[in-house]
Amino acid sequence: DIGGDVVDAAFSPDGSALATASGDGQVKFFQVYLHEEGPLRCLHQWSPHGGKPLSCLFFLDDHSSHQPDVQYWKYAVTGCSLNTELKVWSCESWTCLQTISFNRVGEDMGVRLKADLDPTARYLVLADIDKCLVFVLSVEQGVEGGAMVVSVAEFATPSPILSFGCVSAGKRMVKQTAEGVEVSVEEDMIENNDKQEKTVVRLFFVQPKSLQECSIIYDD
């Protein structure tokens, strides 16, 4: 029993540890025993939002390619208040590097956001449940010796998104014609006259009556 009302969890890339985020406001790290070598052991815990119930937990690790020599769980993103307050953390010093808040001016109803991180950990995507809006936050590491969100882009959708998953995101070569939009594969980054480099975010999302695939294409 890991305790608390767990709202999000993540395994370390090597499978040796489990991190959980709970409704009691705590993030806890547990040792994982593959062969029942001992009782469940909590390695560390902290309250990233002053005890407020947590709504998401992401680690800024690139899962698009296997890199065993790269340190994992170096930075984290936590969210509370239905992801309207986000914090970027250093997991080495346990200090907050950045705080981002979302609010809707002039309305009594609060903001409710679903969140997902792309496999490269460079784009954090938020969907407003009550409004037809999607936000794409660009995350960079190595900025002033840490990690931070460097830009926020806002997009309108035909109807509200109830839930979603981010399949991929990154720079791609894009060609727009009268027949539609052509997006090059990730390895095809050679510029030519009829293509432009743009940010492409691919999502699968659930709307009130459908499951759809969507690509958000924009100049960052």
N, C-alpha and C. Protein backbone atom coordinates (compact mmCIF):
# COMPACT_ATOMS: atom_id res chain seq x y z
N ASP A 1 0.86 -1.18 0.00
CA ASP A 1 0.00 0.00 0.00
C ASP A 1 0.89 1.23 0.00
N ILE A 2 0.81 2.05 -1.06
CA ILE A 2 1.66 3.24 -1.15
C ILE A 2 1.00 4.44 -0.49
N GLY A 3 -0.27 4.32 -0.09
CA GLY A 3 -0.95 5.37 0.65
C GLY A 3 -1.39 6.53 -0.21
N GLY A 4 -2.43 7.25 0.26
CA GLY A 4 -2.91 8.43 -0.44
C GLY A 4 -3.76 8.09 -1.64
N ASP A 5 -4.41 9.09 -2.19
CA ASP A 5 -5.22 8.96 -3.38
C ASP A 5 -4.35 9.30 -4.58
N VAL A 6 -3.75 8.28 -5.21
CA VAL A 6 -2.78 8.49 -6.28
C VAL A 6 -3.48 8.99 -7.53
N VAL A 7 -3.00 10.12 -8.06
CA VAL A 7 -3.58 10.71 -9.27
C VAL A 7 -2.66 10.55 -10.48
N ASP A 8 -1.36 10.29 -10.24
CA ASP A 8 -0.42 10.10 -11.34
C ASP A 8 0.78 9.34 -10.80
N ALA A 9 1.47 8.63 -11.69
CA ALA A 9 2.63 7.84 -11.29
C ALA A 9 3.56 7.68 -12.48
N ALA A 10 4.84 7.40 -12.19
CA ALA A 10 5.83 7.22 -13.25
C ALA A 10 6.91 6.27 -12.75
N PHE A 11 7.29 5.31 -13.62
CA PHE A 11 8.44 4.45 -13.34
C PHE A 11 9.70 5.13 -13.87
N SER A 12 10.81 4.89 -13.18
CA SER A 12 12.09 5.37 -13.70
C SER A 12 12.42 4.57 -14.96
N PRO A 13 13.23 5.14 -15.88
CA PRO A 13 13.53 4.43 -17.13
C PRO A 13 14.14 3.04 -16.93
N ASP A 14 14.88 2.83 -15.84
CA ASP A 14 15.47 1.51 -15.60
C ASP A 14 14.56 0.60 -14.78
N GLY A 15 13.37 1.11 -14.40
CA GLY A 15 12.41 0.30 -13.67
C GLY A 15 12.73 0.06 -12.22
N SER A 16 13.71 0.78 -11.67
CA SER A 16 14.13 0.52 -10.29
C SER A 16 13.39 1.35 -9.25
N ALA A 17 12.63 2.34 -9.70
CA ALA A 17 11.93 3.22 -8.75
C ALA A 17 10.59 3.63 -9.33
N LEU A 18 9.67 3.96 -8.43
CA LEU A 18 8.33 4.42 -8.80
C LEU A 18 8.06 5.73 -8.08
N ALA A 19 7.58 6.72 -8.81
CA ALA A 19 7.19 8.01 -8.22
C ALA A 19 5.68 8.15 -8.34
N THR A 20 5.04 8.61 -7.27
CA THR A 20 3.59 8.79 -7.27
C THR A 20 3.24 10.21 -6.83
N ALA A 21 2.16 10.73 -7.38
CA ALA A 21 1.60 12.02 -6.98
C ALA A 21 0.20 11.76 -6.45
N SER A 22 -0.13 12.34 -5.30
CA SER A 22 -1.37 11.99 -4.62
C SER A 22 -2.24 13.21 -4.36
N GLY A 23 -3.50 12.90 -4.07
CA GLY A 23 -4.46 13.95 -3.73
C GLY A 23 -4.15 14.61 -2.41
N ASP A 24 -3.29 13.99 -1.59
CA ASP A 24 -2.91 14.62 -0.33
C ASP A 24 -1.77 15.62 -0.51
N GLY A 25 -1.36 15.85 -1.77
CA GLY A 25 -0.34 16.85 -2.05
C GLY A 25 1.08 16.35 -1.99
N GLN A 26 1.28 15.04 -1.83
CA GLN A 26 2.62 14.49 -1.67
C GLN A 26 3.09 13.78 -2.94
N VAL A 27 4.37 13.97 -3.26
CA VAL A 27 5.07 13.15 -4.25
C VAL A 27 5.99 12.22 -3.48
N LYS A 28 5.88 10.92 -3.76
CA LYS A 28 6.69 9.93 -3.04
C LYS A 28 7.46 9.07 -4.04
N PHE A 29 8.67 8.71 -3.66
CA PHE A 29 9.53 7.85 -4.46
C PHE A 29 9.71 6.53 -3.73
N PHE A 30 9.48 5.42 -4.44
CA PHE A 30 9.57 4.09 -3.84
C PHE A 30 10.59 3.24 -4.58
N GLN A 31 11.30 2.42 -3.80
CA GLN A 31 12.17 1.39 -4.37
C GLN A 31 11.31 0.28 -4.95
N VAL A 32 11.64 -0.18 -6.15
CA VAL A 32 10.91 -1.28 -6.78
C VAL A 32 11.73 -2.56 -6.66
N TYR A 33 11.11 -3.59 -6.07
CA TYR A 33 11.76 -4.89 -5.94
C TYR A 33 11.14 -5.85 -6.95
N LEU A 34 11.95 -6.37 -7.84
CA LEU A 34 11.44 -7.23 -8.90
C LEU A 34 11.17 -8.65 -8.41
N HIS A 35 11.86 -9.07 -7.35
CA HIS A 35 11.72 -10.45 -6.88
C HIS A 35 11.36 -10.51 -5.40
N GLU A 36 10.56 -9.54 -4.97
CA GLU A 36 10.09 -9.50 -3.57
C GLU A 36 11.26 -9.60 -2.60
N GLU A 37 12.27 -8.73 -2.80
CA GLU A 37 13.45 -8.77 -1.95
C GLU A 37 13.24 -8.09 -0.60
N GLY A 38 12.14 -7.35 -0.45
CA GLY A 38 11.92 -6.68 0.81
C GLY A 38 10.63 -5.90 0.80
N PRO A 39 10.26 -5.32 1.92
CA PRO A 39 9.02 -4.53 1.98
C PRO A 39 9.14 -3.23 1.19
N LEU A 40 8.00 -2.67 0.82
CA LEU A 40 7.98 -1.41 0.09
C LEU A 40 8.67 -0.33 0.91
N ARG A 41 9.60 0.39 0.29
CA ARG A 41 10.40 1.39 1.01
C ARG A 41 10.29 2.73 0.31
N CYS A 42 9.89 3.77 1.04
CA CYS A 42 9.80 5.12 0.52
C CYS A 42 11.18 5.77 0.61
N LEU A 43 11.72 6.16 -0.54
CA LEU A 43 13.06 6.74 -0.59
C LEU A 43 13.06 8.23 -0.30
N HIS A 44 12.01 8.91 -0.72
CA HIS A 44 11.94 10.37 -0.55
C HIS A 44 10.51 10.82 -0.78
N GLN A 45 10.12 11.91 -0.16
CA GLN A 45 8.83 12.51 -0.43
C GLN A 45 8.90 14.00 -0.21
N TRP A 46 8.08 14.72 -0.96
CA TRP A 46 8.01 16.16 -0.76
C TRP A 46 6.66 16.68 -1.21
N SER A 47 6.32 17.88 -0.74
CA SER A 47 5.04 18.50 -1.03
C SER A 47 5.30 19.69 -1.95
N PRO A 48 5.18 19.50 -3.28
CA PRO A 48 5.62 20.54 -4.22
C PRO A 48 4.73 21.77 -4.28
N HIS A 49 3.46 21.66 -3.85
CA HIS A 49 2.55 22.80 -3.94
C HIS A 49 1.96 23.15 -2.58
N GLY A 50 2.76 23.00 -1.55
CA GLY A 50 2.33 23.40 -0.22
C GLY A 50 1.15 22.61 0.31
N GLY A 51 1.02 21.36 -0.09
CA GLY A 51 -0.06 20.52 0.41
C GLY A 51 -1.31 20.51 -0.45
N LYS A 52 -1.37 21.32 -1.52
CA LYS A 52 -2.53 21.30 -2.41
C LYS A 52 -2.60 19.96 -3.13
N PRO A 53 -3.82 19.44 -3.38
CA PRO A 53 -3.95 18.17 -4.10
C PRO A 53 -3.29 18.24 -5.47
N LEU A 54 -2.50 17.23 -5.78
CA LEU A 54 -1.78 17.22 -7.05
C LEU A 54 -2.67 16.69 -8.17
N SER A 55 -2.38 17.12 -9.39
CA SER A 55 -3.16 16.68 -10.55
C SER A 55 -2.30 16.10 -11.66
N CYS A 56 -0.97 16.30 -11.62
CA CYS A 56 -0.10 15.66 -12.62
C CYS A 56 1.33 15.62 -12.10
N LEU A 57 2.10 14.69 -12.68
CA LEU A 57 3.52 14.55 -12.38
C LEU A 57 4.22 14.05 -13.64
N PHE A 58 5.19 14.82 -14.13
CA PHE A 58 5.97 14.42 -15.30
C PHE A 58 7.45 14.63 -15.00
N PHE A 59 8.27 13.73 -15.53
CA PHE A 59 9.73 13.91 -15.47
C PHE A 59 10.23 14.25 -16.87
N LEU A 60 11.15 15.19 -16.95
CA LEU A 60 11.61 15.70 -18.24
C LEU A 60 12.72 14.81 -18.80
N ASP A 61 12.35 13.54 -19.07
CA ASP A 61 13.28 12.57 -19.65
C ASP A 61 12.85 12.27 -21.09
N ASP A 62 13.84 12.16 -21.97
CA ASP A 62 13.58 11.86 -23.38
C ASP A 62 13.38 10.35 -23.54
N HIS A 63 12.14 9.94 -23.80
CA HIS A 63 11.83 8.53 -23.99
C HIS A 63 11.76 8.14 -25.46
N SER A 64 12.13 9.04 -26.36
CA SER A 64 12.07 8.73 -27.78
C SER A 64 13.24 7.86 -28.22
N SER A 65 14.31 7.82 -27.44
CA SER A 65 15.46 6.97 -27.75
C SER A 65 16.11 6.52 -26.44
N HIS A 66 16.68 5.32 -26.46
CA HIS A 66 17.28 4.76 -25.25
C HIS A 66 18.66 5.36 -25.04
N GLN A 67 18.85 6.02 -23.89
CA GLN A 67 20.13 6.66 -23.57
C GLN A 67 20.52 6.26 -22.15
N PRO A 68 21.12 5.09 -21.98
CA PRO A 68 21.42 4.58 -20.63
C PRO A 68 22.41 5.42 -19.85
N ASP A 69 23.25 6.18 -20.53
CA ASP A 69 24.27 6.97 -19.83
C ASP A 69 23.77 8.35 -19.40
N VAL A 70 22.57 8.73 -19.81
CA VAL A 70 22.02 10.04 -19.47
C VAL A 70 21.29 9.96 -18.13
N GLN A 71 21.56 10.92 -17.26
CA GLN A 71 20.90 10.94 -15.96
C GLN A 71 19.41 11.15 -16.13
N TYR A 72 18.62 10.32 -15.44
CA TYR A 72 17.17 10.46 -15.52
C TYR A 72 16.63 11.10 -14.24
N TRP A 73 15.38 11.55 -14.34
CA TRP A 73 14.69 12.20 -13.22
C TRP A 73 15.49 13.40 -12.69
N LYS A 74 16.10 14.13 -13.61
CA LYS A 74 16.85 15.32 -13.21
C LYS A 74 15.92 16.50 -12.97
N TYR A 75 14.87 16.60 -13.80
CA TYR A 75 13.88 17.67 -13.67
C TYR A 75 12.48 17.07 -13.68
N ALA A 76 11.55 17.77 -13.05
CA ALA A 76 10.17 17.30 -13.00
C ALA A 76 9.22 18.48 -13.16
N VAL A 77 8.01 18.16 -13.60
CA VAL A 77 6.92 19.13 -13.66
C VAL A 77 5.76 18.58 -12.84
N THR A 78 5.26 19.38 -11.92
CA THR A 78 4.10 18.98 -11.12
C THR A 78 2.98 19.99 -11.33
N GLY A 79 1.75 19.52 -11.14
CA GLY A 79 0.59 20.39 -11.29
C GLY A 79 -0.39 20.20 -10.16
N CYS A 80 -1.09 21.26 -9.78
CA CYS A 80 -2.14 21.18 -8.79
C CYS A 80 -3.32 22.02 -9.26
N SER A 81 -4.41 21.98 -8.49
CA SER A 81 -5.61 22.77 -8.82
C SER A 81 -6.04 22.52 -10.27
N LEU A 82 -6.16 21.20 -10.61
CA LEU A 82 -6.56 20.80 -11.96
C LEU A 82 -5.62 21.36 -13.02
N ASN A 83 -4.33 21.37 -12.67
CA ASN A 83 -3.23 21.79 -13.57
C ASN A 83 -3.24 23.27 -13.91
N THR A 84 -3.94 24.07 -13.14
CA THR A 84 -3.89 25.52 -13.36
C THR A 84 -2.66 26.15 -12.71
N GLU A 85 -1.98 25.40 -11.86
CA GLU A 85 -0.69 25.83 -11.32
C GLU A 85 0.32 24.75 -11.61
N LEU A 86 1.35 25.10 -12.38
CA LEU A 86 2.42 24.17 -12.75
C LEU A 86 3.74 24.67 -12.19
N LYS A 87 4.57 23.73 -11.77
CA LYS A 87 5.90 24.07 -11.28
C LYS A 87 6.93 23.17 -11.94
N VAL A 88 8.06 23.78 -12.33
CA VAL A 88 9.20 23.04 -12.85
C VAL A 88 10.22 22.91 -11.73
N TRP A 89 10.72 21.68 -11.51
CA TRP A 89 11.57 21.39 -10.36
C TRP A 89 12.92 20.83 -10.77
N SER A 90 13.93 21.14 -9.97
CA SER A 90 15.20 20.42 -10.00
C SER A 90 15.11 19.29 -8.99
N CYS A 91 15.26 18.04 -9.44
CA CYS A 91 15.20 16.91 -8.52
C CYS A 91 16.54 16.63 -7.86
N GLU A 92 17.53 17.47 -8.14
CA GLU A 92 18.82 17.36 -7.45
C GLU A 92 18.84 18.23 -6.20
N SER A 93 18.33 19.44 -6.32
CA SER A 93 18.31 20.36 -5.18
C SER A 93 16.93 20.49 -4.56
N TRP A 94 15.89 19.90 -5.21
CA TRP A 94 14.50 20.00 -4.77
C TRP A 94 14.07 21.46 -4.64
N THR A 95 14.47 22.26 -5.62
CA THR A 95 14.08 23.66 -5.67
C THR A 95 13.18 23.89 -6.88
N CYS A 96 12.27 24.85 -6.74
CA CYS A 96 11.37 25.21 -7.82
C CYS A 96 12.08 26.17 -8.76
N LEU A 97 12.12 25.83 -10.05
CA LEU A 97 12.78 26.65 -11.05
C LEU A 97 11.84 27.63 -11.73
N GLN A 98 10.53 27.29 -11.75
CA GLN A 98 9.57 28.13 -12.45
C GLN A 98 8.15 27.77 -12.00
N THR A 99 7.29 28.77 -11.92
CA THR A 99 5.87 28.57 -11.61
C THR A 99 5.03 29.24 -12.68
N ILE A 100 4.05 28.50 -13.21
CA ILE A 100 3.15 29.01 -14.23
C ILE A 100 1.72 28.83 -13.75
N SER A 101 0.91 29.89 -13.86
CA SER A 101 -0.49 29.83 -13.42
C SER A 101 -1.41 30.19 -14.57
N PHE A 102 -2.53 29.49 -14.65
CA PHE A 102 -3.57 29.78 -15.63
C PHE A 102 -4.81 30.26 -14.89
N ASN A 103 -5.41 31.34 -15.37
CA ASN A 103 -6.66 31.81 -14.78
C ASN A 103 -7.49 32.48 -15.87
N ARG A 104 -8.78 32.56 -15.60
CA ARG A 104 -9.70 33.16 -16.56
C ARG A 104 -10.29 34.42 -15.93
N VAL A 105 -9.91 35.55 -16.44
CA VAL A 105 -10.30 36.83 -15.85
C VAL A 105 -11.78 37.11 -16.14
N GLY A 106 -12.49 37.55 -15.10
CA GLY A 106 -13.87 37.98 -15.28
C GLY A 106 -14.90 36.88 -15.30
N GLU A 107 -14.51 35.63 -14.96
CA GLU A 107 -15.46 34.53 -14.92
C GLU A 107 -15.38 33.84 -13.57
N ASP A 108 -16.54 33.42 -13.06
CA ASP A 108 -16.58 32.75 -11.76
C ASP A 108 -16.07 31.31 -11.86
N MET A 109 -16.28 30.66 -13.00
CA MET A 109 -15.88 29.28 -13.16
C MET A 109 -14.37 29.18 -13.30
N GLY A 110 -13.75 28.29 -12.54
CA GLY A 110 -12.31 28.11 -12.62
C GLY A 110 -11.90 27.35 -13.86
N VAL A 111 -10.61 27.34 -14.11
CA VAL A 111 -10.06 26.64 -15.27
C VAL A 111 -9.78 25.19 -14.89
N ARG A 112 -10.08 24.27 -15.81
CA ARG A 112 -9.77 22.85 -15.62
C ARG A 112 -8.98 22.38 -16.83
N LEU A 113 -7.78 21.84 -16.59
CA LEU A 113 -6.87 21.49 -17.67
C LEU A 113 -6.43 20.03 -17.56
N LYS A 114 -6.48 19.31 -18.69
CA LYS A 114 -5.85 18.01 -18.82
C LYS A 114 -4.43 18.24 -19.33
N ALA A 115 -3.49 17.38 -18.94
CA ALA A 115 -2.09 17.60 -19.31
C ALA A 115 -1.44 16.31 -19.79
N ASP A 116 -0.51 16.44 -20.74
CA ASP A 116 0.31 15.32 -21.19
C ASP A 116 1.62 15.87 -21.72
N LEU A 117 2.67 15.04 -21.61
CA LEU A 117 4.01 15.42 -22.06
C LEU A 117 4.39 14.56 -23.26
N ASP A 118 5.01 15.16 -24.27
CA ASP A 118 5.39 14.39 -25.44
C ASP A 118 6.57 13.48 -25.09
N PRO A 119 6.85 12.43 -25.88
CA PRO A 119 7.91 11.47 -25.53
C PRO A 119 9.30 12.08 -25.40
N THR A 120 9.58 13.22 -26.05
CA THR A 120 10.90 13.83 -25.95
C THR A 120 11.02 14.78 -24.74
N ALA A 121 9.91 15.02 -24.05
CA ALA A 121 9.86 15.91 -22.88
C ALA A 121 10.19 17.35 -23.23
N ARG A 122 9.90 17.74 -24.47
CA ARG A 122 10.13 19.12 -24.88
C ARG A 122 8.85 19.92 -25.07
N TYR A 123 7.70 19.24 -25.03
CA TYR A 123 6.43 19.93 -25.22
C TYR A 123 5.41 19.40 -24.21
N LEU A 124 4.88 20.31 -23.40
CA LEU A 124 3.82 19.99 -22.45
C LEU A 124 2.52 20.53 -23.01
N VAL A 125 1.55 19.64 -23.22
CA VAL A 125 0.29 20.01 -23.86
C VAL A 125 -0.82 20.03 -22.81
N LEU A 126 -1.63 21.10 -22.84
CA LEU A 126 -2.75 21.27 -21.90
C LEU A 126 -4.03 21.50 -22.70
N ALA A 127 -5.09 20.80 -22.32
CA ALA A 127 -6.38 20.99 -22.97
C ALA A 127 -7.37 21.54 -21.95
N ASP A 128 -8.01 22.65 -22.29
CA ASP A 128 -9.03 23.26 -21.44
C ASP A 128 -10.33 22.47 -21.60
N ILE A 129 -10.81 21.85 -20.52
CA ILE A 129 -11.97 20.97 -20.58
C ILE A 129 -13.24 21.76 -20.92
N ASP A 130 -13.35 22.98 -20.43
CA ASP A 130 -14.59 23.75 -20.56
C ASP A 130 -14.59 24.69 -21.76
N LYS A 131 -13.44 24.98 -22.28
CA LYS A 131 -13.34 25.85 -23.46
C LYS A 131 -12.69 25.08 -24.60
N CYS A 132 -12.89 25.50 -25.79
CA CYS A 132 -12.30 24.82 -26.95
C CYS A 132 -10.89 25.35 -27.17
N LEU A 133 -9.99 25.04 -26.24
CA LEU A 133 -8.63 25.56 -26.28
C LEU A 133 -7.61 24.48 -25.96
N VAL A 134 -6.48 24.56 -26.63
CA VAL A 134 -5.32 23.72 -26.34
C VAL A 134 -4.11 24.63 -26.21
N PHE A 135 -3.29 24.39 -25.20
CA PHE A 135 -2.05 25.15 -24.99
C PHE A 135 -0.87 24.21 -25.19
N VAL A 136 0.14 24.67 -25.91
CA VAL A 136 1.38 23.91 -26.09
C VAL A 136 2.51 24.71 -25.46
N LEU A 137 3.12 24.15 -24.42
CA LEU A 137 4.22 24.79 -23.71
C LEU A 137 5.53 24.17 -24.15
N SER A 138 6.43 24.98 -24.67
CA SER A 138 7.74 24.51 -25.11
C SER A 138 8.71 24.53 -23.93
N VAL A 139 9.32 23.39 -23.64
CA VAL A 139 10.20 23.23 -22.49
C VAL A 139 11.63 23.06 -22.97
N GLU A 140 12.54 23.79 -22.38
CA GLU A 140 13.96 23.65 -22.72
C GLU A 140 14.77 23.33 -21.47
N GLN A 141 15.75 22.45 -21.63
CA GLN A 141 16.68 22.14 -20.55
C GLN A 141 18.03 22.77 -20.84
N GLY A 142 18.79 23.04 -19.79
CA GLY A 142 20.06 23.71 -19.95
C GLY A 142 19.96 25.22 -19.97
N VAL A 143 18.74 25.75 -19.76
CA VAL A 143 18.54 27.20 -19.72
C VAL A 143 18.96 27.70 -18.34
N GLU A 144 19.99 28.52 -18.31
CA GLU A 144 20.52 29.05 -17.05
C GLU A 144 20.81 27.93 -16.06
N GLY A 145 21.30 26.82 -16.58
CA GLY A 145 21.66 25.71 -15.72
C GLY A 145 20.51 24.88 -15.21
N GLY A 146 19.30 25.08 -15.76
CA GLY A 146 18.15 24.32 -15.30
C GLY A 146 17.21 23.99 -16.44
N ALA A 147 15.92 23.99 -16.15
CA ALA A 147 14.89 23.73 -17.15
C ALA A 147 13.77 24.73 -16.95
N MET A 148 13.10 25.10 -18.03
CA MET A 148 12.01 26.05 -17.91
C MET A 148 11.15 26.03 -19.17
N VAL A 149 9.91 26.50 -19.02
CA VAL A 149 9.02 26.71 -20.15
C VAL A 149 9.42 28.03 -20.79
N VAL A 150 9.69 27.99 -22.11
CA VAL A 150 10.18 29.20 -22.79
C VAL A 150 9.13 29.84 -23.68
N SER A 151 8.05 29.13 -23.99
CA SER A 151 6.99 29.72 -24.79
C SER A 151 5.68 28.98 -24.56
N VAL A 152 4.58 29.69 -24.78
CA VAL A 152 3.24 29.12 -24.67
C VAL A 152 2.46 29.50 -25.92
N ALA A 153 1.91 28.51 -26.61
CA ALA A 153 1.09 28.75 -27.80
C ALA A 153 -0.34 28.30 -27.51
N GLU A 154 -1.32 29.04 -28.01
CA GLU A 154 -2.73 28.76 -27.76
C GLU A 154 -3.45 28.48 -29.07
N PHE A 155 -4.30 27.43 -29.08
CA PHE A 155 -5.00 27.03 -30.29
C PHE A 155 -6.46 26.73 -29.96
N ALA A 156 -7.34 27.05 -30.90
CA ALA A 156 -8.76 26.75 -30.76
C ALA A 156 -9.07 25.40 -31.40
N THR A 157 -10.02 24.66 -30.81
CA THR A 157 -10.44 23.37 -31.33
C THR A 157 -11.95 23.43 -31.63
N PRO A 158 -12.44 22.58 -32.54
CA PRO A 158 -13.86 22.63 -32.91
C PRO A 158 -14.81 22.36 -31.74
N SER A 159 -14.40 21.52 -30.80
CA SER A 159 -15.23 21.21 -29.63
C SER A 159 -14.32 20.87 -28.46
N PRO A 160 -14.85 20.85 -27.23
CA PRO A 160 -14.01 20.59 -26.06
C PRO A 160 -13.35 19.21 -26.11
N ILE A 161 -12.12 19.12 -25.60
CA ILE A 161 -11.39 17.85 -25.52
C ILE A 161 -11.54 17.31 -24.10
N LEU A 162 -12.10 16.10 -23.98
CA LEU A 162 -12.30 15.50 -22.67
C LEU A 162 -11.04 14.83 -22.14
N SER A 163 -10.30 14.18 -23.04
CA SER A 163 -9.06 13.52 -22.67
C SER A 163 -8.21 13.38 -23.93
N PHE A 164 -6.89 13.21 -23.77
CA PHE A 164 -6.02 13.11 -24.94
C PHE A 164 -4.68 12.51 -24.56
N GLY A 165 -3.94 12.11 -25.59
CA GLY A 165 -2.58 11.66 -25.42
C GLY A 165 -1.72 12.27 -26.50
N CYS A 166 -0.52 12.70 -26.14
CA CYS A 166 0.41 13.30 -27.10
C CYS A 166 1.31 12.21 -27.66
N VAL A 167 1.20 11.96 -28.97
CA VAL A 167 1.95 10.89 -29.62
C VAL A 167 3.38 11.32 -29.94
N SER A 168 3.54 12.51 -30.47
CA SER A 168 4.86 13.01 -30.82
C SER A 168 4.81 14.52 -30.96
N ALA A 169 5.98 15.14 -30.91
CA ALA A 169 6.08 16.59 -31.10
C ALA A 169 7.52 16.94 -31.44
N GLY A 170 7.68 17.93 -32.28
CA GLY A 170 9.02 18.36 -32.63
C GLY A 170 9.03 19.15 -33.92
N LYS A 171 10.22 19.55 -34.35
CA LYS A 171 10.39 20.30 -35.58
C LYS A 171 10.29 19.36 -36.77
N ARG A 172 9.52 19.74 -37.77
CA ARG A 172 9.34 18.94 -38.98
C ARG A 172 9.36 19.87 -40.19
N MET A 173 9.67 19.30 -41.35
CA MET A 173 9.56 20.04 -42.60
C MET A 173 8.15 19.86 -43.14
N VAL A 174 7.45 20.96 -43.39
CA VAL A 174 6.04 20.94 -43.74
C VAL A 174 5.83 21.63 -45.09
N LYS A 175 5.03 20.98 -45.94
CA LYS A 175 4.66 21.54 -47.23
C LYS A 175 3.14 21.67 -47.29
N GLN A 176 2.63 22.86 -47.56
CA GLN A 176 1.19 23.09 -47.64
C GLN A 176 0.80 23.33 -49.09
N THR A 177 -0.16 22.52 -49.57
CA THR A 177 -0.64 22.63 -50.94
C THR A 177 -2.15 22.75 -50.94
N ALA A 178 -2.72 22.88 -52.11
CA ALA A 178 -4.18 22.97 -52.23
C ALA A 178 -4.85 21.67 -51.82
N GLU A 179 -4.12 20.54 -51.95
CA GLU A 179 -4.68 19.24 -51.57
C GLU A 179 -4.61 18.97 -50.08
N GLY A 180 -3.75 19.70 -49.36
CA GLY A 180 -3.62 19.46 -47.93
C GLY A 180 -2.23 19.79 -47.44
N VAL A 181 -1.86 19.21 -46.30
CA VAL A 181 -0.56 19.46 -45.67
C VAL A 181 0.25 18.19 -45.69
N GLU A 182 1.51 18.29 -46.11
CA GLU A 182 2.43 17.16 -46.12
C GLU A 182 3.51 17.40 -45.09
N VAL A 183 3.66 16.45 -44.16
CA VAL A 183 4.65 16.56 -43.09
C VAL A 183 5.71 15.50 -43.29
N SER A 184 6.97 15.90 -43.31
CA SER A 184 8.06 14.95 -43.49
C SER A 184 8.24 14.12 -42.23
N VAL A 185 8.84 12.94 -42.40
CA VAL A 185 9.17 12.11 -41.25
C VAL A 185 10.27 12.78 -40.46
N GLU A 186 10.48 12.30 -39.23
CA GLU A 186 11.39 12.98 -38.31
C GLU A 186 12.81 13.09 -38.87
N GLU A 187 13.29 12.04 -39.56
CA GLU A 187 14.67 12.07 -40.04
C GLU A 187 14.84 12.98 -41.26
N ASP A 188 13.75 13.29 -41.94
CA ASP A 188 13.83 14.09 -43.17
C ASP A 188 13.76 15.58 -42.81
N MET A 189 14.92 16.15 -42.46
CA MET A 189 14.96 17.55 -42.03
C MET A 189 15.72 18.43 -43.02
N ILE A 190 15.90 17.94 -44.28
CA ILE A 190 16.63 18.70 -45.28
C ILE A 190 15.72 19.77 -45.87
N GLU A 191 16.14 21.00 -45.78
CA GLU A 191 15.31 22.09 -46.28
C GLU A 191 15.32 22.10 -47.81
N ASN A 192 14.17 22.47 -48.38
CA ASN A 192 14.10 22.73 -49.80
C ASN A 192 13.14 23.89 -50.02
N ASN A 193 12.97 24.26 -51.27
CA ASN A 193 12.23 25.48 -51.57
C ASN A 193 10.75 25.40 -51.23
N ASP A 194 10.16 24.20 -51.29
CA ASP A 194 8.72 24.12 -51.09
C ASP A 194 8.32 23.64 -49.71
N LYS A 195 9.27 23.53 -48.80
CA LYS A 195 8.96 23.11 -47.44
C LYS A 195 9.52 24.10 -46.42
N GLN A 196 8.83 24.23 -45.30
CA GLN A 196 9.27 25.12 -44.22
C GLN A 196 9.31 24.34 -42.91
N GLU A 197 10.25 24.71 -42.05
CA GLU A 197 10.35 24.06 -40.75
C GLU A 197 9.30 24.63 -39.80
N LYS A 198 8.50 23.75 -39.24
CA LYS A 198 7.47 24.16 -38.28
C LYS A 198 7.43 23.16 -37.12
N THR A 199 6.76 23.56 -36.05
CA THR A 199 6.53 22.65 -34.93
C THR A 199 5.25 21.87 -35.20
N VAL A 200 5.34 20.54 -35.08
CA VAL A 200 4.20 19.66 -35.32
C VAL A 200 3.95 18.83 -34.07
N VAL A 201 2.74 18.93 -33.52
CA VAL A 201 2.33 18.18 -32.34
C VAL A 201 1.20 17.25 -32.74
N ARG A 202 1.39 15.94 -32.57
CA ARG A 202 0.36 14.95 -32.92
C ARG A 202 -0.35 14.45 -31.67
N LEU A 203 -1.67 14.48 -31.71
CA LEU A 203 -2.50 14.08 -30.58
C LEU A 203 -3.54 13.06 -31.01
N PHE A 204 -3.93 12.19 -30.09
CA PHE A 204 -5.19 11.47 -30.17
C PHE A 204 -6.06 12.00 -29.04
N PHE A 205 -7.28 12.43 -29.35
CA PHE A 205 -8.10 13.04 -28.30
C PHE A 205 -9.54 12.53 -28.36
N VAL A 206 -10.16 12.57 -27.19
CA VAL A 206 -11.55 12.14 -27.03
C VAL A 206 -12.42 13.37 -26.90
N GLN A 207 -13.42 13.48 -27.79
CA GLN A 207 -14.43 14.52 -27.71
C GLN A 207 -15.76 13.88 -27.30
N PRO A 208 -16.79 14.67 -27.05
CA PRO A 208 -18.04 14.09 -26.54
C PRO A 208 -18.58 12.90 -27.33
N LYS A 209 -18.36 12.87 -28.65
CA LYS A 209 -18.92 11.79 -29.45
C LYS A 209 -17.92 11.14 -30.39
N SER A 210 -16.64 11.32 -30.16
CA SER A 210 -15.69 10.78 -31.12
C SER A 210 -14.29 10.65 -30.52
N LEU A 211 -13.49 9.80 -31.16
CA LEU A 211 -12.05 9.70 -30.92
C LEU A 211 -11.35 10.12 -32.20
N GLN A 212 -10.47 11.10 -32.12
CA GLN A 212 -9.89 11.67 -33.33
C GLN A 212 -8.38 11.80 -33.21
N GLU A 213 -7.75 11.88 -34.37
CA GLU A 213 -6.32 12.19 -34.45
C GLU A 213 -6.18 13.63 -34.93
N CYS A 214 -5.23 14.35 -34.37
CA CYS A 214 -5.08 15.77 -34.69
C CYS A 214 -3.59 16.10 -34.76
N SER A 215 -3.25 16.95 -35.71
CA SER A 215 -1.90 17.51 -35.79
C SER A 215 -1.99 19.02 -35.66
N ILE A 216 -1.28 19.57 -34.70
CA ILE A 216 -1.17 21.01 -34.53
C ILE A 216 0.14 21.45 -35.18
N ILE A 217 0.07 22.33 -36.16
CA ILE A 217 1.24 22.77 -36.92
C ILE A 217 1.36 24.28 -36.80
N TYR A 218 2.50 24.75 -36.35
CA TYR A 218 2.64 26.19 -36.15
C TYR A 218 4.10 26.60 -36.16
N ASP A 219 4.32 27.92 -36.32
CA ASP A 219 5.64 28.52 -36.18
C ASP A 219 5.84 28.83 -34.71
N ASP A 220 6.88 28.25 -34.12
CA ASP A 220 7.10 28.44 -32.69
C ASP A 220 7.66 29.84 -32.46
